[in-house]
């Protein structure tokens, strides 16, 4: 199987369709980036939620993601197939948690770049998690950790810019 190839049946199964970013993961070039891009319109809806409700969505999306990523991995018979991009979507949403709506386009762009940077670079312990923790938990948590790195840097930049 080609690395970025998704069998058609994956995109017709509701669980796998969601795990593959509603089809964004089917892109043959940079599916993780396309998955992160797919997260932006959802973020534009989420940003209007209160912080506790937004956090609840993040927790639910992570737990749901562990399950759907595990099921999709089993169907594909490939651990962390590049077409599974739900983890990138949740990672972006986490990166954007508590970002002010003022100058929002710039924060979205910076959050996108920071999250993709940490997701691709995988500094320690992200790379260790990616290599040693398998299944849905491993798929989700390396991106959650990348999002935490991106979130911290984004918050520091926002704090400095809005002082």
C-alpha atoms as a PDB file:
ATOM      1  CA  UNK A   1       0.000   0.000   0.000  1.00  0.00           C
ATOM      2  CA  UNK A   2       1.289   3.466  -0.861  1.00  0.00           C
ATOM      3  CA  UNK A   3       2.010   5.541   2.239  1.00  0.00           C
ATOM      4  CA  UNK A   4      -0.620   8.231   1.590  1.00  0.00           C
ATOM      5  CA  UNK A   5      -3.123   5.948  -0.097  1.00  0.00           C
ATOM      6  CA  UNK A   6      -6.523   5.611   1.566  1.00  0.00           C
ATOM      7  CA  UNK A   7      -8.774   2.816   0.335  1.00  0.00           C
ATOM      8  CA  UNK A   8     -12.182   4.060  -0.773  1.00  0.00           C
ATOM      9  CA  UNK A   9     -13.976   1.996   1.888  1.00  0.00           C
ATOM     10  CA  UNK A  10     -12.312   4.114   4.614  1.00  0.00           C
ATOM     11  CA  UNK A  11     -13.953   7.253   3.262  1.00  0.00           C
ATOM     12  CA  UNK A  12     -17.366   5.555   3.184  1.00  0.00           C
ATOM     13  CA  UNK A  13     -17.249   4.402   6.822  1.00  0.00           C
ATOM     14  CA  UNK A  14     -18.519   7.205   9.103  1.00  0.00           C
ATOM     15  CA  UNK A  15     -15.948   6.604  11.873  1.00  0.00           C
ATOM     16  CA  UNK A  16     -13.019   6.436   9.478  1.00  0.00           C
ATOM     17  CA  UNK A  17     -14.321   9.360   7.428  1.00  0.00           C
ATOM     18  CA  UNK A  18     -14.186  11.505  10.573  1.00  0.00           C
ATOM     19  CA  UNK A  19     -10.767  10.086  11.588  1.00  0.00           C
ATOM     20  CA  UNK A  20      -9.506  11.019   8.117  1.00  0.00           C
ATOM     21  CA  UNK A  21     -10.611  14.629   8.578  1.00  0.00           C
ATOM     22  CA  UNK A  22     -13.784  14.384   6.502  1.00  0.00           C
ATOM     23  CA  UNK A  23     -11.622  13.474   3.515  1.00  0.00           C
ATOM     24  CA  UNK A  24      -8.714  15.890   4.115  1.00  0.00           C
ATOM     25  CA  UNK A  25      -6.496  12.930   4.993  1.00  0.00           C
ATOM     26  CA  UNK A  26      -6.970  11.564   1.486  1.00  0.00           C
ATOM     27  CA  UNK A  27      -4.715  14.275   0.083  1.00  0.00           C
ATOM     28  CA  UNK A  28      -1.581  12.593  -1.235  1.00  0.00           C
ATOM     29  CA  UNK A  29       0.699  15.512  -0.332  1.00  0.00           C
ATOM     30  CA  UNK A  30       0.928  16.725   3.295  1.00  0.00           C
ATOM     31  CA  UNK A  31      -2.295  15.163   4.620  1.00  0.00           C
ATOM     32  CA  UNK A  32      -1.492  16.372   8.165  1.00  0.00           C
ATOM     33  CA  UNK A  33      -1.327  19.957   6.962  1.00  0.00           C
ATOM     34  CA  UNK A  34      -4.607  19.539   5.090  1.00  0.00           C
ATOM     35  CA  UNK A  35      -6.136  18.000   8.217  1.00  0.00           C
ATOM     36  CA  UNK A  36      -4.986  20.978  10.273  1.00  0.00           C
ATOM     37  CA  UNK A  37      -6.451  23.298   7.647  1.00  0.00           C
ATOM     38  CA  UNK A  38      -9.732  21.377   7.896  1.00  0.00           C
ATOM     39  CA  UNK A  39      -9.731  22.179  11.634  1.00  0.00           C
ATOM     40  CA  UNK A  40      -9.805  25.957  11.039  1.00  0.00           C
ATOM     41  CA  UNK A  41     -13.519  26.299  10.120  1.00  0.00           C
ATOM     42  CA  UNK A  42     -14.435  24.181  13.146  1.00  0.00           C
ATOM     43  CA  UNK A  43     -12.258  26.436  15.317  1.00  0.00           C
ATOM     44  CA  UNK A  44     -14.119  29.481  13.989  1.00  0.00           C
ATOM     45  CA  UNK A  45     -17.254  27.942  15.531  1.00  0.00           C
ATOM     46  CA  UNK A  46     -15.542  26.736  18.725  1.00  0.00           C
ATOM     47  CA  UNK A  47     -13.928  30.083  19.545  1.00  0.00           C
ATOM     48  CA  UNK A  48     -17.316  31.492  20.561  1.00  0.00           C
ATOM     49  CA  UNK A  49     -17.705  28.936  23.362  1.00  0.00           C
ATOM     50  CA  UNK A  50     -16.920  29.739  26.971  1.00  0.00           C
ATOM     51  CA  UNK A  51     -13.538  28.434  28.156  1.00  0.00           C
ATOM     52  CA  UNK A  52     -15.054  25.572  30.232  1.00  0.00           C
ATOM     53  CA  UNK A  53     -17.275  24.460  27.342  1.00  0.00           C
ATOM     54  CA  UNK A  54     -14.369  24.709  24.858  1.00  0.00           C
ATOM     55  CA  UNK A  55     -12.270  22.560  27.232  1.00  0.00           C
ATOM     56  CA  UNK A  56     -15.106  20.040  27.461  1.00  0.00           C
ATOM     57  CA  UNK A  57     -15.176  19.843  23.640  1.00  0.00           C
ATOM     58  CA  UNK A  58     -11.393  19.272  23.653  1.00  0.00           C
ATOM     59  CA  UNK A  59     -11.653  16.459  26.209  1.00  0.00           C
ATOM     60  CA  UNK A  60     -14.545  14.817  24.350  1.00  0.00           C
ATOM     61  CA  UNK A  61     -12.764  15.219  20.991  1.00  0.00           C
ATOM     62  CA  UNK A  62      -9.632  13.603  22.419  1.00  0.00           C
ATOM     63  CA  UNK A  63     -11.480  10.625  23.916  1.00  0.00           C
ATOM     64  CA  UNK A  64     -13.560  10.245  20.750  1.00  0.00           C
ATOM     65  CA  UNK A  65     -10.349  10.582  18.712  1.00  0.00           C
ATOM     66  CA  UNK A  66      -8.619   7.760  20.577  1.00  0.00           C
ATOM     67  CA  UNK A  67     -11.515   5.497  19.671  1.00  0.00           C
ATOM     68  CA  UNK A  68     -11.954   6.510  16.014  1.00  0.00           C
ATOM     69  CA  UNK A  69      -8.206   6.554  15.332  1.00  0.00           C
ATOM     70  CA  UNK A  70      -7.862   3.075  16.866  1.00  0.00           C
ATOM     71  CA  UNK A  71     -10.755   1.726  14.768  1.00  0.00           C
ATOM     72  CA  UNK A  72      -9.376   3.302  11.593  1.00  0.00           C
ATOM     73  CA  UNK A  73      -5.867   2.003  12.301  1.00  0.00           C
ATOM     74  CA  UNK A  74      -7.315  -1.493  12.670  1.00  0.00           C
ATOM     75  CA  UNK A  75      -9.226  -1.153   9.402  1.00  0.00           C
ATOM     76  CA  UNK A  76      -6.133   0.110   7.547  1.00  0.00           C
ATOM     77  CA  UNK A  77      -3.785  -2.355   9.282  1.00  0.00           C
ATOM     78  CA  UNK A  78      -1.212   0.484   9.494  1.00  0.00           C
ATOM     79  CA  UNK A  79      -0.260   2.270  12.723  1.00  0.00           C
ATOM     80  CA  UNK A  80      -0.734   6.038  12.475  1.00  0.00           C
ATOM     81  CA  UNK A  81      -1.463   6.111   8.762  1.00  0.00           C
ATOM     82  CA  UNK A  82      -0.822   9.645   7.422  1.00  0.00           C
ATOM     83  CA  UNK A  83      -4.442   9.815   6.268  1.00  0.00           C
ATOM     84  CA  UNK A  84      -5.661   9.759   9.874  1.00  0.00           C
ATOM     85  CA  UNK A  85      -5.774  13.466  10.671  1.00  0.00           C
ATOM     86  CA  UNK A  86      -8.333  13.795  13.473  1.00  0.00           C
ATOM     87  CA  UNK A  87      -5.337  14.137  15.816  1.00  0.00           C
ATOM     88  CA  UNK A  88      -4.143  17.181  13.858  1.00  0.00           C
ATOM     89  CA  UNK A  89      -7.594  18.703  14.058  1.00  0.00           C
ATOM     90  CA  UNK A  90      -7.813  18.301  17.831  1.00  0.00           C
ATOM     91  CA  UNK A  91      -4.202  19.455  18.154  1.00  0.00           C
ATOM     92  CA  UNK A  92      -5.001  22.688  16.332  1.00  0.00           C
ATOM     93  CA  UNK A  93      -8.087  23.270  18.465  1.00  0.00           C
ATOM     94  CA  UNK A  94      -5.971  22.823  21.590  1.00  0.00           C
ATOM     95  CA  UNK A  95      -3.325  25.201  20.217  1.00  0.00           C
ATOM     96  CA  UNK A  96      -6.033  27.838  19.789  1.00  0.00           C
ATOM     97  CA  UNK A  97      -7.550  27.451  23.283  1.00  0.00           C
ATOM     98  CA  UNK A  98      -7.958  30.849  25.004  1.00  0.00           C
ATOM     99  CA  UNK A  99      -6.716  32.804  21.999  1.00  0.00           C
ATOM    100  CA  UNK A 100      -8.364  36.245  21.965  1.00  0.00           C
ATOM    101  CA  UNK A 101     -10.624  37.107  19.056  1.00  0.00           C
ATOM    102  CA  UNK A 102      -8.813  40.422  18.602  1.00  0.00           C
ATOM    103  CA  UNK A 103      -6.499  40.144  15.558  1.00  0.00           C
ATOM    104  CA  UNK A 104      -7.827  36.591  15.205  1.00  0.00           C
ATOM    105  CA  UNK A 105      -6.601  35.993  11.632  1.00  0.00           C
ATOM    106  CA  UNK A 106      -2.998  36.496  12.742  1.00  0.00           C
ATOM    107  CA  UNK A 107      -3.393  34.241  15.773  1.00  0.00           C
ATOM    108  CA  UNK A 108      -4.948  31.534  13.586  1.00  0.00           C
ATOM    109  CA  UNK A 109      -2.059  31.764  11.132  1.00  0.00           C
ATOM    110  CA  UNK A 110       0.555  31.743  13.897  1.00  0.00           C
ATOM    111  CA  UNK A 111      -1.196  28.904  15.748  1.00  0.00           C
ATOM    112  CA  UNK A 112      -1.372  26.907  12.519  1.00  0.00           C
ATOM    113  CA  UNK A 113       2.357  27.399  11.814  1.00  0.00           C
ATOM    114  CA  UNK A 114       3.430  26.664  15.407  1.00  0.00           C
ATOM    115  CA  UNK A 115       1.316  23.522  15.640  1.00  0.00           C
ATOM    116  CA  UNK A 116       2.540  22.193  12.276  1.00  0.00           C
ATOM    117  CA  UNK A 117       6.139  22.996  13.278  1.00  0.00           C
ATOM    118  CA  UNK A 118       5.954  20.964  16.493  1.00  0.00           C
ATOM    119  CA  UNK A 119       3.903  18.198  14.893  1.00  0.00           C
ATOM    120  CA  UNK A 120       6.490  17.751  12.124  1.00  0.00           C
ATOM    121  CA  UNK A 121       9.653  18.434  14.167  1.00  0.00           C
ATOM    122  CA  UNK A 122       8.547  16.275  17.118  1.00  0.00           C
ATOM    123  CA  UNK A 123      10.990  17.473  19.804  1.00  0.00           C
ATOM    124  CA  UNK A 124      11.435  15.291  22.885  1.00  0.00           C
ATOM    125  CA  UNK A 125       9.262  13.685  24.261  1.00  0.00           C
ATOM    126  CA  UNK A 126       6.896  13.936  21.283  1.00  0.00           C
ATOM    127  CA  UNK A 127       9.114  11.753  19.070  1.00  0.00           C
ATOM    128  CA  UNK A 128       9.415   9.167  21.856  1.00  0.00           C
ATOM    129  CA  UNK A 129       5.623   9.040  22.224  1.00  0.00           C
ATOM    130  CA  UNK A 130       5.204   8.757  18.467  1.00  0.00           C
ATOM    131  CA  UNK A 131       7.558   5.752  18.328  1.00  0.00           C
ATOM    132  CA  UNK A 132       6.605   3.900  21.510  1.00  0.00           C
ATOM    133  CA  UNK A 133       2.919   4.469  22.249  1.00  0.00           C
ATOM    134  CA  UNK A 134       0.736   2.662  19.734  1.00  0.00           C
ATOM    135  CA  UNK A 135      -2.928   2.646  18.841  1.00  0.00           C
ATOM    136  CA  UNK A 136      -5.398   5.463  19.220  1.00  0.00           C
ATOM    137  CA  UNK A 137      -3.710   6.745  22.384  1.00  0.00           C
ATOM    138  CA  UNK A 138      -0.354   7.096  20.623  1.00  0.00           C
ATOM    139  CA  UNK A 139      -1.911   8.704  17.558  1.00  0.00           C
ATOM    140  CA  UNK A 140      -3.702  11.316  19.649  1.00  0.00           C
ATOM    141  CA  UNK A 141      -1.144  12.086  22.342  1.00  0.00           C
ATOM    142  CA  UNK A 142       1.892  12.971  20.268  1.00  0.00           C
ATOM    143  CA  UNK A 143      -0.268  15.648  18.614  1.00  0.00           C
ATOM    144  CA  UNK A 144      -1.712  16.753  21.956  1.00  0.00           C
ATOM    145  CA  UNK A 145       1.826  17.257  23.234  1.00  0.00           C
ATOM    146  CA  UNK A 146       2.821  19.129  20.051  1.00  0.00           C
ATOM    147  CA  UNK A 147      -0.251  21.321  20.595  1.00  0.00           C
ATOM    148  CA  UNK A 148       0.760  22.049  24.190  1.00  0.00           C
ATOM    149  CA  UNK A 149       4.200  23.200  23.006  1.00  0.00           C
ATOM    150  CA  UNK A 150       2.569  25.382  20.337  1.00  0.00           C
ATOM    151  CA  UNK A 151      -0.036  26.687  22.802  1.00  0.00           C
ATOM    152  CA  UNK A 152       2.575  27.795  25.340  1.00  0.00           C
ATOM    153  CA  UNK A 153       4.575  29.698  22.719  1.00  0.00           C
ATOM    154  CA  UNK A 154       1.437  31.212  21.203  1.00  0.00           C
ATOM    155  CA  UNK A 155       0.216  32.384  24.618  1.00  0.00           C
ATOM    156  CA  UNK A 156       3.593  33.987  25.397  1.00  0.00           C
ATOM    157  CA  UNK A 157       3.509  35.823  22.054  1.00  0.00           C
ATOM    158  CA  UNK A 158      -0.098  36.948  22.602  1.00  0.00           C
ATOM    159  CA  UNK A 159       0.689  38.144  26.122  1.00  0.00           C
ATOM    160  CA  UNK A 160       3.634  40.159  24.805  1.00  0.00           C
ATOM    161  CA  UNK A 161       1.669  41.590  21.877  1.00  0.00           C
ATOM    162  CA  UNK A 162      -1.361  42.641  23.885  1.00  0.00           C
ATOM    163  CA  UNK A 163       0.489  44.169  26.849  1.00  0.00           C
END
